[in-house]
Amino acid sequence: MKALAISFLAFTSISSFAQSNVEVYSFLQVGEKIEQLNEFTASSFYSEDTKYCYTGDVNLVCSKVKDAEGIQMGRYHVEGAHDFFTVTSCTVENNAVSAVLRLQDDYGTDESVVAQVGKCE
C-alpha cells in the first residue's frame, strides 16, 4: 500500500512538472475590450469571441485543454456556473492545436466548435 501511495505521488509530481512546461491562454473580446485569461476556457456564451494561444511544449497543450474541461465541469456542478464544455477531440499538427469542443449550458445550447490554439507571439 505504501509503495502504491509513493508511486501515485511520484506520478502526480512528474505530471505536474510536465504540465508546468506549457501555458494556454484565452483572449475574450467584448466590444472593443480584449480580456486575457491565464487559462484555457470555453463558453457557449462567448464561443465566437474567444481566441487561444500557448507557450511552451505544443505536445502538452491537449492535456491542458482536457484539464480545463474538468475545472469547468467542477465550476458547473459545484460553484453554479451556467455552462460547461467537453473535449471531443484534440490534435497537434505543425505547432498548432485543434480542439473540437462540445459547448453546453443551462439555456439549451448544445453546439460543437473548433478551438484553434496557436503559439503566442
PDB file of N, CA and C in Angstrom:
ATOM      1  N   MET A   1       0.834  -1.191   0.000  1.00  0.00           N
ATOM      2  CA  MET A   1       0.000   0.000   0.000  1.00  0.00           C
ATOM      3  C   MET A   1       0.880   1.258   0.000  1.00  0.00           C
ATOM      4  N   LYS A   2       1.932   1.216   0.830  1.00  0.00           N
ATOM      5  CA  LYS A   2       2.833   2.359   0.912  1.00  0.00           C
ATOM      6  C   LYS A   2       3.515   2.601  -0.437  1.00  0.00           C
ATOM      7  N   ALA A   3       3.923   1.503  -1.109  1.00  0.00           N
ATOM      8  CA  ALA A   3       4.576   1.631  -2.421  1.00  0.00           C
ATOM      9  C   ALA A   3       3.609   2.221  -3.443  1.00  0.00           C
ATOM     10  N   LEU A   4       2.344   1.837  -3.360  1.00  0.00           N
ATOM     11  CA  LEU A   4       1.339   2.369  -4.267  1.00  0.00           C
ATOM     12  C   LEU A   4       1.158   3.869  -4.061  1.00  0.00           C
ATOM     13  N   ALA A   5       1.103   4.295  -2.812  1.00  0.00           N
ATOM     14  CA  ALA A   5       0.964   5.716  -2.495  1.00  0.00           C
ATOM     15  C   ALA A   5       2.170   6.507  -2.989  1.00  0.00           C
ATOM     16  N   ILE A   6       3.363   5.960  -2.818  1.00  0.00           N
ATOM     17  CA  ILE A   6       4.580   6.636  -3.277  1.00  0.00           C
ATOM     18  C   ILE A   6       4.589   6.714  -4.801  1.00  0.00           C
ATOM     19  N   SER A   7       4.158   5.633  -5.484  1.00  0.00           N
ATOM     20  CA  SER A   7       4.099   5.642  -6.944  1.00  0.00           C
ATOM     21  C   SER A   7       3.120   6.699  -7.442  1.00  0.00           C
ATOM     22  N   PHE A   8       1.960   6.791  -6.802  1.00  0.00           N
ATOM     23  CA  PHE A   8       0.967   7.791  -7.188  1.00  0.00           C
ATOM     24  C   PHE A   8       1.519   9.192  -6.998  1.00  0.00           C
ATOM     25  N   LEU A   9       2.172   9.416  -5.866  1.00  0.00           N
ATOM     26  CA  LEU A   9       2.753  10.720  -5.565  1.00  0.00           C
ATOM     27  C   LEU A   9       3.821  11.080  -6.600  1.00  0.00           C
ATOM     28  N   ALA A  10       4.644  10.135  -6.966  1.00  0.00           N
ATOM     29  CA  ALA A  10       5.686  10.388  -7.960  1.00  0.00           C
ATOM     30  C   ALA A  10       5.069  10.694  -9.315  1.00  0.00           C
ATOM     31  N   PHE A  11       4.047   9.926  -9.710  1.00  0.00           N
ATOM     32  CA  PHE A  11       3.375  10.171 -10.983  1.00  0.00           C
ATOM     33  C   PHE A  11       2.737  11.556 -11.001  1.00  0.00           C
ATOM     34  N   THR A  12       2.072  11.926  -9.913  1.00  0.00           N
ATOM     35  CA  THR A  12       1.435  13.238  -9.815  1.00  0.00           C
ATOM     36  C   THR A  12       2.475  14.341  -9.910  1.00  0.00           C
ATOM     37  N   SER A  13       3.604  14.183  -9.255  1.00  0.00           N
ATOM     38  CA  SER A  13       4.660  15.190  -9.295  1.00  0.00           C
ATOM     39  C   SER A  13       5.244  15.322 -10.692  1.00  0.00           C
ATOM     40  N   ILE A  14       5.490  14.198 -11.353  1.00  0.00           N
ATOM     41  CA  ILE A  14       6.035  14.226 -12.710  1.00  0.00           C
ATOM     42  C   ILE A  14       5.020  14.858 -13.656  1.00  0.00           C
ATOM     43  N   SER A  15       3.754  14.478 -13.526  1.00  0.00           N
ATOM     44  CA  SER A  15       2.701  15.034 -14.366  1.00  0.00           C
ATOM     45  C   SER A  15       2.600  16.543 -14.161  1.00  0.00           C
ATOM     46  N   SER A  16       2.649  16.996 -12.929  1.00  0.00           N
ATOM     47  CA  SER A  16       2.580  18.431 -12.640  1.00  0.00           C
ATOM     48  C   SER A  16       3.782  19.157 -13.215  1.00  0.00           C
ATOM     49  N   PHE A  17       4.966  18.539 -13.125  1.00  0.00           N
ATOM     50  CA  PHE A  17       6.163  19.159 -13.671  1.00  0.00           C
ATOM     51  C   PHE A  17       6.039  19.289 -15.186  1.00  0.00           C
ATOM     52  N   ALA A  18       5.581  18.222 -15.841  1.00  0.00           N
ATOM     53  CA  ALA A  18       5.430  18.268 -17.294  1.00  0.00           C
ATOM     54  C   ALA A  18       4.413  19.331 -17.685  1.00  0.00           C
ATOM     55  N   GLN A  19       3.329  19.427 -16.940  1.00  0.00           N
ATOM     56  CA  GLN A  19       2.301  20.414 -17.227  1.00  0.00           C
ATOM     57  C   GLN A  19       2.839  21.830 -17.083  1.00  0.00           C
ATOM     58  N   SER A  20       3.816  22.030 -16.199  1.00  0.00           N
ATOM     59  CA  SER A  20       4.325  23.376 -15.973  1.00  0.00           C
ATOM     60  C   SER A  20       5.142  23.877 -17.168  1.00  0.00           C
ATOM     61  N   ASN A  21       5.444  22.995 -18.128  1.00  0.00           N
ATOM     62  CA  ASN A  21       6.197  23.393 -19.309  1.00  0.00           C
ATOM     63  C   ASN A  21       5.314  23.942 -20.428  1.00  0.00           C
ATOM     64  N   VAL A  22       4.035  24.172 -20.121  1.00  0.00           N
ATOM     65  CA  VAL A  22       3.120  24.731 -21.115  1.00  0.00           C
ATOM     66  C   VAL A  22       2.073  25.582 -20.405  1.00  0.00           C
ATOM     67  N   GLU A  23       1.701  26.674 -21.051  1.00  0.00           N
ATOM     68  CA  GLU A  23       0.595  27.514 -20.572  1.00  0.00           C
ATOM     69  C   GLU A  23      -0.314  27.775 -21.761  1.00  0.00           C
ATOM     70  N   VAL A  24      -1.605  27.780 -21.512  1.00  0.00           N
ATOM     71  CA  VAL A  24      -2.575  28.067 -22.559  1.00  0.00           C
ATOM     72  C   VAL A  24      -3.392  29.267 -22.101  1.00  0.00           C
ATOM     73  N   TYR A  25      -3.546  30.243 -22.978  1.00  0.00           N
ATOM     74  CA  TYR A  25      -4.249  31.484 -22.648  1.00  0.00           C
ATOM     75  C   TYR A  25      -5.491  31.637 -23.515  1.00  0.00           C
ATOM     76  N   SER A  26      -6.509  32.230 -22.942  1.00  0.00           N
ATOM     77  CA  SER A  26      -7.730  32.555 -23.670  1.00  0.00           C
ATOM     78  C   SER A  26      -7.831  34.072 -23.750  1.00  0.00           C
ATOM     79  N   PHE A  27      -8.263  34.569 -24.895  1.00  0.00           N
ATOM     80  CA  PHE A  27      -8.468  36.000 -25.078  1.00  0.00           C
ATOM     81  C   PHE A  27      -9.917  36.205 -25.488  1.00  0.00           C
ATOM     82  N   LEU A  28     -10.659  36.897 -24.658  1.00  0.00           N
ATOM     83  CA  LEU A  28     -12.081  37.130 -24.884  1.00  0.00           C
ATOM     84  C   LEU A  28     -12.294  38.572 -25.290  1.00  0.00           C
ATOM     85  N   GLN A  29     -12.913  38.778 -26.435  1.00  0.00           N
ATOM     86  CA  GLN A  29     -13.191  40.131 -26.903  1.00  0.00           C
ATOM     87  C   GLN A  29     -14.663  40.448 -26.700  1.00  0.00           C
ATOM     88  N   VAL A  30     -14.928  41.504 -25.926  1.00  0.00           N
ATOM     89  CA  VAL A  30     -16.281  42.004 -25.713  1.00  0.00           C
ATOM     90  C   VAL A  30     -16.272  43.459 -26.150  1.00  0.00           C
ATOM     91  N   GLY A  31     -16.926  43.737 -27.268  1.00  0.00           N
ATOM     92  CA  GLY A  31     -16.867  45.086 -27.825  1.00  0.00           C
ATOM     93  C   GLY A  31     -15.444  45.395 -28.251  1.00  0.00           C
ATOM     94  N   GLU A  32     -14.934  46.515 -27.782  1.00  0.00           N
ATOM     95  CA  GLU A  32     -13.561  46.917 -28.093  1.00  0.00           C
ATOM     96  C   GLU A  32     -12.544  46.359 -27.105  1.00  0.00           C
ATOM     97  N   LYS A  33     -13.020  45.837 -25.996  1.00  0.00           N
ATOM     98  CA  LYS A  33     -12.140  45.369 -24.921  1.00  0.00           C
ATOM     99  C   LYS A  33     -11.734  43.911 -25.133  1.00  0.00           C
ATOM    100  N   ILE A  34     -10.435  43.621 -24.979  1.00  0.00           N
ATOM    101  CA  ILE A  34      -9.926  42.255 -25.042  1.00  0.00           C
ATOM    102  C   ILE A  34      -9.409  41.894 -23.650  1.00  0.00           C
ATOM    103  N   GLU A  35      -9.935  40.806 -23.107  1.00  0.00           N
ATOM    104  CA  GLU A  35      -9.539  40.349 -21.777  1.00  0.00           C
ATOM    105  C   GLU A  35      -8.710  39.077 -21.916  1.00  0.00           C
ATOM    106  N   GLN A  36      -7.538  39.052 -21.262  1.00  0.00           N
ATOM    107  CA  GLN A  36      -6.691  37.866 -21.281  1.00  0.00           C
ATOM    108  C   GLN A  36      -6.982  37.043 -20.037  1.00  0.00           C
ATOM    109  N   LEU A  37      -7.258  35.758 -20.241  1.00  0.00           N
ATOM    110  CA  LEU A  37      -7.456  34.826 -19.137  1.00  0.00           C
ATOM    111  C   LEU A  37      -6.258  33.890 -19.110  1.00  0.00           C
ATOM    112  N   ASN A  38      -5.689  33.688 -17.951  1.00  0.00           N
ATOM    113  CA  ASN A  38      -4.487  32.866 -17.833  1.00  0.00           C
ATOM    114  C   ASN A  38      -4.825  31.391 -17.686  1.00  0.00           C
ATOM    115  N   GLU A  39      -5.761  30.932 -18.498  1.00  0.00           N
ATOM    116  CA  GLU A  39      -6.150  29.534 -18.531  1.00  0.00           C
ATOM    117  C   GLU A  39      -6.925  29.287 -19.818  1.00  0.00           C
ATOM    118  N   PHE A  40      -7.038  28.028 -20.188  1.00  0.00           N
ATOM    119  CA  PHE A  40      -7.910  27.690 -21.305  1.00  0.00           C
ATOM    120  C   PHE A  40      -9.328  27.640 -20.764  1.00  0.00           C
ATOM    121  N   THR A  41     -10.238  28.276 -21.435  1.00  0.00           N
ATOM    122  CA  THR A  41     -11.645  28.207 -21.068  1.00  0.00           C
ATOM    123  C   THR A  41     -12.476  28.341 -22.328  1.00  0.00           C
ATOM    124  N   ALA A  42     -13.636  27.745 -22.310  1.00  0.00           N
ATOM    125  CA  ALA A  42     -14.547  27.843 -23.450  1.00  0.00           C
ATOM    126  C   ALA A  42     -15.954  28.010 -22.902  1.00  0.00           C
ATOM    127  N   SER A  43     -16.749  28.823 -23.579  1.00  0.00           N
ATOM    128  CA  SER A  43     -18.090  29.114 -23.111  1.00  0.00           C
ATOM    129  C   SER A  43     -19.045  29.234 -24.286  1.00  0.00           C
ATOM    130  N   SER A  44     -20.215  28.684 -24.131  1.00  0.00           N
ATOM    131  CA  SER A  44     -21.237  28.832 -25.166  1.00  0.00           C
ATOM    132  C   SER A  44     -21.666  30.289 -25.303  1.00  0.00           C
ATOM    133  N   PHE A  45     -21.459  31.071 -24.265  1.00  0.00           N
ATOM    134  CA  PHE A  45     -21.848  32.473 -24.283  1.00  0.00           C
ATOM    135  C   PHE A  45     -20.899  33.338 -25.113  1.00  0.00           C
ATOM    136  N   TYR A  46     -19.646  32.893 -25.269  1.00  0.00           N
ATOM    137  CA  TYR A  46     -18.633  33.695 -25.966  1.00  0.00           C
ATOM    138  C   TYR A  46     -17.844  32.871 -26.984  1.00  0.00           C
ATOM    139  N   SER A  47     -18.437  31.836 -27.548  1.00  0.00           N
ATOM    140  CA  SER A  47     -17.667  30.921 -28.389  1.00  0.00           C
ATOM    141  C   SER A  47     -17.046  31.602 -29.608  1.00  0.00           C
ATOM    142  N   GLU A  48     -17.717  32.575 -30.202  1.00  0.00           N
ATOM    143  CA  GLU A  48     -17.179  33.230 -31.393  1.00  0.00           C
ATOM    144  C   GLU A  48     -16.195  34.345 -31.054  1.00  0.00           C
ATOM    145  N   ASP A  49     -16.160  34.750 -29.793  1.00  0.00           N
ATOM    146  CA  ASP A  49     -15.341  35.892 -29.390  1.00  0.00           C
ATOM    147  C   ASP A  49     -14.062  35.499 -28.650  1.00  0.00           C
ATOM    148  N   THR A  50     -13.742  34.202 -28.611  1.00  0.00           N
ATOM    149  CA  THR A  50     -12.593  33.742 -27.847  1.00  0.00           C
ATOM    150  C   THR A  50     -11.506  33.223 -28.771  1.00  0.00           C
ATOM    151  N   LYS A  51     -10.276  33.657 -28.528  1.00  0.00           N
ATOM    152  CA  LYS A  51      -9.101  33.192 -29.259  1.00  0.00           C
ATOM    153  C   LYS A  51      -8.144  32.566 -28.248  1.00  0.00           C
ATOM    154  N   TYR A  52      -7.236  31.716 -28.732  1.00  0.00           N
ATOM    155  CA  TYR A  52      -6.348  30.971 -27.838  1.00  0.00           C
ATOM    156  C   TYR A  52      -4.909  30.997 -28.342  1.00  0.00           C
ATOM    157  N   CYS A  53      -3.983  30.890 -27.397  1.00  0.00           N
ATOM    158  CA  CYS A  53      -2.585  30.668 -27.757  1.00  0.00           C
ATOM    159  C   CYS A  53      -1.884  29.945 -26.610  1.00  0.00           C
ATOM    160  N   TYR A  54      -0.706  29.401 -26.900  1.00  0.00           N
ATOM    161  CA  TYR A  54       0.048  28.654 -25.896  1.00  0.00           C
ATOM    162  C   TYR A  54       1.501  29.104 -25.895  1.00  0.00           C
ATOM    163  N   THR A  55       2.165  28.844 -24.775  1.00  0.00           N
ATOM    164  CA  THR A  55       3.613  28.970 -24.683  1.00  0.00           C
ATOM    165  C   THR A  55       4.135  27.630 -24.186  1.00  0.00           C
ATOM    166  N   GLY A  56       5.328  27.267 -24.589  1.00  0.00           N
ATOM    167  CA  GLY A  56       5.913  26.013 -24.120  1.00  0.00           C
ATOM    168  C   GLY A  56       5.765  24.902 -25.137  1.00  0.00           C
ATOM    169  N   ASP A  57       5.657  23.686 -24.641  1.00  0.00           N
ATOM    170  CA  ASP A  57       5.643  22.476 -25.455  1.00  0.00           C
ATOM    171  C   ASP A  57       4.260  22.231 -26.048  1.00  0.00           C
ATOM    172  N   VAL A  58       4.145  22.322 -27.362  1.00  0.00           N
ATOM    173  CA  VAL A  58       2.859  22.138 -28.042  1.00  0.00           C
ATOM    174  C   VAL A  58       2.260  20.761 -27.748  1.00  0.00           C
ATOM    175  N   ASN A  59       3.102  19.767 -27.510  1.00  0.00           N
ATOM    176  CA  ASN A  59       2.619  18.410 -27.267  1.00  0.00           C
ATOM    177  C   ASN A  59       1.903  18.256 -25.926  1.00  0.00           C
ATOM    178  N   LEU A  60       1.963  19.259 -25.072  1.00  0.00           N
ATOM    179  CA  LEU A  60       1.279  19.213 -23.781  1.00  0.00           C
ATOM    180  C   LEU A  60      -0.016  20.023 -23.775  1.00  0.00           C
ATOM    181  N   VAL A  61      -0.302  20.715 -24.871  1.00  0.00           N
ATOM    182  CA  VAL A  61      -1.478  21.586 -24.915  1.00  0.00           C
ATOM    183  C   VAL A  61      -2.769  20.793 -24.764  1.00  0.00           C
ATOM    184  N   CYS A  62      -2.900  19.662 -25.440  1.00  0.00           N
ATOM    185  CA  CYS A  62      -4.143  18.882 -25.350  1.00  0.00           C
ATOM    186  C   CYS A  62      -4.428  18.442 -23.912  1.00  0.00           C
ATOM    187  N   SER A  63      -3.400  18.087 -23.171  1.00  0.00           N
ATOM    188  CA  SER A  63      -3.644  17.698 -21.778  1.00  0.00           C
ATOM    189  C   SER A  63      -4.088  18.899 -20.948  1.00  0.00           C
ATOM    190  N   LYS A  64      -3.580  20.084 -21.255  1.00  0.00           N
ATOM    191  CA  LYS A  64      -4.035  21.304 -20.568  1.00  0.00           C
ATOM    192  C   LYS A  64      -5.500  21.596 -20.892  1.00  0.00           C
ATOM    193  N   VAL A  65      -5.873  21.400 -22.149  1.00  0.00           N
ATOM    194  CA  VAL A  65      -7.262  21.618 -22.560  1.00  0.00           C
ATOM    195  C   VAL A  65      -8.170  20.624 -21.845  1.00  0.00           C
ATOM    196  N   LYS A  66      -7.749  19.375 -21.762  1.00  0.00           N
ATOM    197  CA  LYS A  66      -8.530  18.346 -21.070  1.00  0.00           C
ATOM    198  C   LYS A  66      -8.639  18.668 -19.576  1.00  0.00           C
ATOM    199  N   ASP A  67      -7.569  19.161 -18.972  1.00  0.00           N
ATOM    200  CA  ASP A  67      -7.613  19.580 -17.560  1.00  0.00           C
ATOM    201  C   ASP A  67      -8.623  20.715 -17.374  1.00  0.00           C
ATOM    202  N   ALA A  68      -8.635  21.642 -18.316  1.00  0.00           N
ATOM    203  CA  ALA A  68      -9.562  22.780 -18.237  1.00  0.00           C
ATOM    204  C   ALA A  68     -11.012  22.308 -18.307  1.00  0.00           C
ATOM    205  N   GLU A  69     -11.256  21.246 -19.063  1.00  0.00           N
ATOM    206  CA  GLU A  69     -12.593  20.660 -19.130  1.00  0.00           C
ATOM    207  C   GLU A  69     -13.044  20.243 -17.723  1.00  0.00           C
ATOM    208  N   GLY A  70     -12.175  19.566 -16.993  1.00  0.00           N
ATOM    209  CA  GLY A  70     -12.504  19.131 -15.637  1.00  0.00           C
ATOM    210  C   GLY A  70     -12.736  20.295 -14.688  1.00  0.00           C
ATOM    211  N   ILE A  71     -11.936  21.339 -14.829  1.00  0.00           N
ATOM    212  CA  ILE A  71     -12.093  22.523 -13.984  1.00  0.00           C
ATOM    213  C   ILE A  71     -13.438  23.181 -14.239  1.00  0.00           C
ATOM    214  N   GLN A  72     -13.788  23.344 -15.517  1.00  0.00           N
ATOM    215  CA  GLN A  72     -15.073  23.975 -15.842  1.00  0.00           C
ATOM    216  C   GLN A  72     -16.241  23.099 -15.408  1.00  0.00           C
ATOM    217  N   MET A  73     -16.101  21.792 -15.532  1.00  0.00           N
ATOM    218  CA  MET A  73     -17.168  20.883 -15.088  1.00  0.00           C
ATOM    219  C   MET A  73     -17.374  21.028 -13.583  1.00  0.00           C
ATOM    220  N   GLY A  74     -16.282  21.198 -12.845  1.00  0.00           N
ATOM    221  CA  GLY A  74     -16.391  21.427 -11.409  1.00  0.00           C
ATOM    222  C   GLY A  74     -17.093  22.740 -11.097  1.00  0.00           C
ATOM    223  N   ARG A  75     -16.779  23.761 -11.853  1.00  0.00           N
ATOM    224  CA  ARG A  75     -17.453  25.058 -11.668  1.00  0.00           C
ATOM    225  C   ARG A  75     -18.953  24.928 -11.938  1.00  0.00           C
ATOM    226  N   TYR A  76     -19.303  24.126 -12.923  1.00  0.00           N
ATOM    227  CA  TYR A  76     -20.709  23.939 -13.281  1.00  0.00           C
ATOM    228  C   TYR A  76     -21.452  23.181 -12.176  1.00  0.00           C
ATOM    229  N   HIS A  77     -20.872  22.066 -11.726  1.00  0.00           N
ATOM    230  CA  HIS A  77     -21.555  21.211 -10.763  1.00  0.00           C
ATOM    231  C   HIS A  77     -21.438  21.682  -9.315  1.00  0.00           C
ATOM    232  N   VAL A  78     -20.352  22.361  -8.979  1.00  0.00           N
ATOM    233  CA  VAL A  78     -20.126  22.740  -7.579  1.00  0.00           C
ATOM    234  C   VAL A  78     -20.364  24.225  -7.331  1.00  0.00           C
ATOM    235  N   GLU A  79     -19.871  25.063  -8.230  1.00  0.00           N
ATOM    236  CA  GLU A  79     -19.911  26.503  -7.987  1.00  0.00           C
ATOM    237  C   GLU A  79     -21.098  27.211  -8.634  1.00  0.00           C
ATOM    238  N   GLY A  80     -21.892  26.493  -9.429  1.00  0.00           N
ATOM    239  CA  GLY A  80     -23.080  27.102 -10.015  1.00  0.00           C
ATOM    240  C   GLY A  80     -22.876  27.810 -11.332  1.00  0.00           C
ATOM    241  N   ALA A  81     -21.780  27.530 -12.034  1.00  0.00           N
ATOM    242  CA  ALA A  81     -21.603  28.116 -13.369  1.00  0.00           C
ATOM    243  C   ALA A  81     -22.742  27.628 -14.265  1.00  0.00           C
ATOM    244  N   HIS A  82     -23.044  28.354 -15.311  1.00  0.00           N
ATOM    245  CA  HIS A  82     -24.185  28.028 -16.165  1.00  0.00           C
ATOM    246  C   HIS A  82     -23.829  27.327 -17.454  1.00  0.00           C
ATOM    247  N   ASP A  83     -22.533  27.054 -17.666  1.00  0.00           N
ATOM    248  CA  ASP A  83     -22.135  26.356 -18.882  1.00  0.00           C
ATOM    249  C   ASP A  83     -20.906  25.503 -18.640  1.00  0.00           C
ATOM    250  N   PHE A  84     -20.680  24.577 -19.560  1.00  0.00           N
ATOM    251  CA  PHE A  84     -19.503  23.712 -19.482  1.00  0.00           C
ATOM    252  C   PHE A  84     -19.160  23.248 -20.892  1.00  0.00           C
ATOM    253  N   PHE A  85     -17.994  22.624 -21.021  1.00  0.00           N
ATOM    254  CA  PHE A  85     -17.602  22.077 -22.316  1.00  0.00           C
ATOM    255  C   PHE A  85     -16.968  20.712 -22.113  1.00  0.00           C
ATOM    256  N   THR A  86     -17.038  19.908 -23.149  1.00  0.00           N
ATOM    257  CA  THR A  86     -16.332  18.634 -23.173  1.00  0.00           C
ATOM    258  C   THR A  86     -15.443  18.618 -24.414  1.00  0.00           C
ATOM    259  N   VAL A  87     -14.309  17.975 -24.287  1.00  0.00           N
ATOM    260  CA  VAL A  87     -13.358  17.878 -25.386  1.00  0.00           C
ATOM    261  C   VAL A  87     -13.702  16.619 -26.185  1.00  0.00           C
ATOM    262  N   THR A  88     -14.105  16.816 -27.428  1.00  0.00           N
ATOM    263  CA  THR A  88     -14.450  15.695 -28.299  1.00  0.00           C
ATOM    264  C   THR A  88     -13.202  15.095 -28.922  1.00  0.00           C
ATOM    265  N   SER A  89     -12.289  15.970 -29.352  1.00  0.00           N
ATOM    266  CA  SER A  89     -11.004  15.521 -29.889  1.00  0.00           C
ATOM    267  C   SER A  89     -10.003  16.656 -29.770  1.00  0.00           C
ATOM    268  N   CYS A  90      -8.740  16.293 -29.810  1.00  0.00           N
ATOM    269  CA  CYS A  90      -7.674  17.291 -29.736  1.00  0.00           C
ATOM    270  C   CYS A  90      -6.477  16.740 -30.495  1.00  0.00           C
ATOM    271  N   THR A  91      -6.002  17.515 -31.478  1.00  0.00           N
ATOM    272  CA  THR A  91      -4.886  17.065 -32.299  1.00  0.00           C
ATOM    273  C   THR A  91      -3.831  18.160 -32.406  1.00  0.00           C
ATOM    274  N   VAL A  92      -2.588  17.708 -32.567  1.00  0.00           N
ATOM    275  CA  VAL A  92      -1.450  18.618 -32.734  1.00  0.00           C
ATOM    276  C   VAL A  92      -0.888  18.414 -34.131  1.00  0.00           C
ATOM    277  N   GLU A  93      -0.698  19.526 -34.842  1.00  0.00           N
ATOM    278  CA  GLU A  93      -0.117  19.455 -36.174  1.00  0.00           C
ATOM    279  C   GLU A  93       0.586  20.773 -36.479  1.00  0.00           C
ATOM    280  N   ASN A  94       1.856  20.693 -36.873  1.00  0.00           N
ATOM    281  CA  ASN A  94       2.634  21.875 -37.258  1.00  0.00           C
ATOM    282  C   ASN A  94       2.631  22.969 -36.188  1.00  0.00           C
ATOM    283  N   ASN A  95       2.913  22.610 -34.949  1.00  0.00           N
ATOM    284  CA  ASN A  95       2.981  23.556 -33.827  1.00  0.00           C
ATOM    285  C   ASN A  95       1.672  24.282 -33.552  1.00  0.00           C
ATOM    286  N   ALA A  96       0.564  23.669 -33.943  1.00  0.00           N
ATOM    287  CA  ALA A  96      -0.755  24.229 -33.648  1.00  0.00           C
ATOM    288  C   ALA A  96      -1.651  23.101 -33.138  1.00  0.00           C
ATOM    289  N   VAL A  97      -2.642  23.485 -32.369  1.00  0.00           N
ATOM    290  CA  VAL A  97      -3.566  22.519 -31.790  1.00  0.00           C
ATOM    291  C   VAL A  97      -4.976  22.838 -32.259  1.00  0.00           C
ATOM    292  N   SER A  98      -5.702  21.803 -32.587  1.00  0.00           N
ATOM    293  CA  SER A  98      -7.098  21.928 -32.960  1.00  0.00           C
ATOM    294  C   SER A  98      -7.905  21.068 -31.991  1.00  0.00           C
ATOM    295  N   ALA A  99      -8.745  21.728 -31.193  1.00  0.00           N
ATOM    296  CA  ALA A  99      -9.557  21.015 -30.206  1.00  0.00           C
ATOM    297  C   ALA A  99     -11.026  21.173 -30.565  1.00  0.00           C
ATOM    298  N   VAL A 100     -11.709  20.059 -30.757  1.00  0.00           N
ATOM    299  CA  VAL A 100     -13.146  20.095 -31.015  1.00  0.00           C
ATOM    300  C   VAL A 100     -13.833  20.026 -29.652  1.00  0.00           C
ATOM    301  N   LEU A 101     -14.656  21.036 -29.380  1.00  0.00           N
ATOM    302  CA  LEU A 101     -15.312  21.172 -28.083  1.00  0.00           C
ATOM    303  C   LEU A 101     -16.825  21.115 -28.255  1.00  0.00           C
ATOM    304  N   ARG A 102     -17.470  20.472 -27.323  1.00  0.00           N
ATOM    305  CA  ARG A 102     -18.932  20.494 -27.265  1.00  0.00           C
ATOM    306  C   ARG A 102     -19.311  21.454 -26.145  1.00  0.00           C
ATOM    307  N   LEU A 103     -19.966  22.542 -26.504  1.00  0.00           N
ATOM    308  CA  LEU A 103     -20.369  23.566 -25.549  1.00  0.00           C
ATOM    309  C   LEU A 103     -21.831  23.365 -25.174  1.00  0.00           C
ATOM    310  N   GLN A 104     -22.104  23.365 -23.871  1.00  0.00           N
ATOM    311  CA  GLN A 104     -23.470  23.208 -23.391  1.00  0.00           C
ATOM    312  C   GLN A 104     -23.729  24.199 -22.265  1.00  0.00           C
ATOM    313  N   ASP A 105     -24.999  24.575 -22.104  1.00  0.00           N
ATOM    314  CA  ASP A 105     -25.343  25.464 -20.998  1.00  0.00           C
ATOM    315  C   ASP A 105     -26.760  25.190 -20.493  1.00  0.00           C
ATOM    316  N   ASP A 106     -27.120  25.880 -19.427  1.00  0.00           N
ATOM    317  CA  ASP A 106     -28.428  25.712 -18.793  1.00  0.00           C
ATOM    318  C   ASP A 106     -29.587  26.180 -19.659  1.00  0.00           C
ATOM    319  N   TYR A 107     -29.300  26.907 -20.717  1.00  0.00           N
ATOM    320  CA  TYR A 107     -30.338  27.508 -21.535  1.00  0.00           C
ATOM    321  C   TYR A 107     -30.596  26.739 -22.825  1.00  0.00           C
ATOM    322  N   GLY A 108     -30.043  25.535 -22.928  1.00  0.00           N
ATOM    323  CA  GLY A 108     -30.320  24.666 -24.059  1.00  0.00           C
ATOM    324  C   GLY A 108     -29.293  24.655 -25.165  1.00  0.00           C
ATOM    325  N   THR A 109     -28.260  25.455 -25.059  1.00  0.00           N
ATOM    326  CA  THR A 109     -27.219  25.439 -26.088  1.00  0.00           C
ATOM    327  C   THR A 109     -26.490  24.104 -26.048  1.00  0.00           C
ATOM    328  N   ASP A 110     -26.286  23.533 -27.198  1.00  0.00           N
ATOM    329  CA  ASP A 110     -25.515  22.300 -27.347  1.00  0.00           C
ATOM    330  C   ASP A 110     -24.899  22.362 -28.737  1.00  0.00           C
ATOM    331  N   GLU A 111     -23.673  22.876 -28.808  1.00  0.00           N
ATOM    332  CA  GLU A 111     -23.033  23.082 -30.103  1.00  0.00           C
ATOM    333  C   GLU A 111     -21.584  22.639 -30.070  1.00  0.00           C
ATOM    334  N   SER A 112     -21.077  22.285 -31.229  1.00  0.00           N
ATOM    335  CA  SER A 112     -19.662  21.923 -31.365  1.00  0.00           C
ATOM    336  C   SER A 112     -18.930  23.071 -32.040  1.00  0.00           C
ATOM    337  N   VAL A 113     -17.742  23.360 -31.520  1.00  0.00           N
ATOM    338  CA  VAL A 113     -16.878  24.390 -32.099  1.00  0.00           C
ATOM    339  C   VAL A 113     -15.455  23.830 -32.157  1.00  0.00           C
ATOM    340  N   VAL A 114     -14.649  24.446 -32.972  1.00  0.00           N
ATOM    341  CA  VAL A 114     -13.238  24.075 -33.060  1.00  0.00           C
ATOM    342  C   VAL A 114     -12.424  25.232 -32.475  1.00  0.00           C
ATOM    343  N   ALA A 115     -11.661  24.925 -31.443  1.00  0.00           N
ATOM    344  CA  ALA A 115     -10.767  25.915 -30.839  1.00  0.00           C
ATOM    345  C   ALA A 115      -9.383  25.710 -31.447  1.00  0.00           C
ATOM    346  N   GLN A 116      -8.900  26.709 -32.156  1.00  0.00           N
ATOM    347  CA  GLN A 116      -7.565  26.683 -32.745  1.00  0.00           C
ATOM    348  C   GLN A 116      -6.604  27.356 -31.769  1.00  0.00           C
ATOM    349  N   VAL A 117      -5.572  26.606 -31.358  1.00  0.00           N
ATOM    350  CA  VAL A 117      -4.611  27.132 -30.386  1.00  0.00           C
ATOM    351  C   VAL A 117      -3.250  27.206 -31.068  1.00  0.00           C
ATOM    352  N   GLY A 118      -2.810  28.436 -31.334  1.00  0.00           N
ATOM    353  CA  GLY A 118      -1.507  28.639 -31.958  1.00  0.00           C
ATOM    354  C   GLY A 118      -0.490  29.120 -30.938  1.00  0.00           C
ATOM    355  N   LYS A 119       0.745  29.199 -31.357  1.00  0.00           N
ATOM    356  CA  LYS A 119       1.817  29.682 -30.485  1.00  0.00           C
ATOM    357  C   LYS A 119       1.625  31.176 -30.225  1.00  0.00           C
ATOM    358  N   CYS A 120       1.756  31.595 -28.960  1.00  0.00           N
ATOM    359  CA  CYS A 120       1.644  33.012 -28.613  1.00  0.00           C
ATOM    360  C   CYS A 120       2.790  33.778 -29.242  1.00  0.00           C
ATOM    361  N   GLU A 121       2.496  34.938 -29.752  1.00  0.00           N
ATOM    362  CA  GLU A 121       3.531  35.767 -30.381  1.00  0.00           C
ATOM    363  C   GLU A 121       3.889  36.920 -29.482  1.00  0.00           C
TER     364      GLU A 121
END
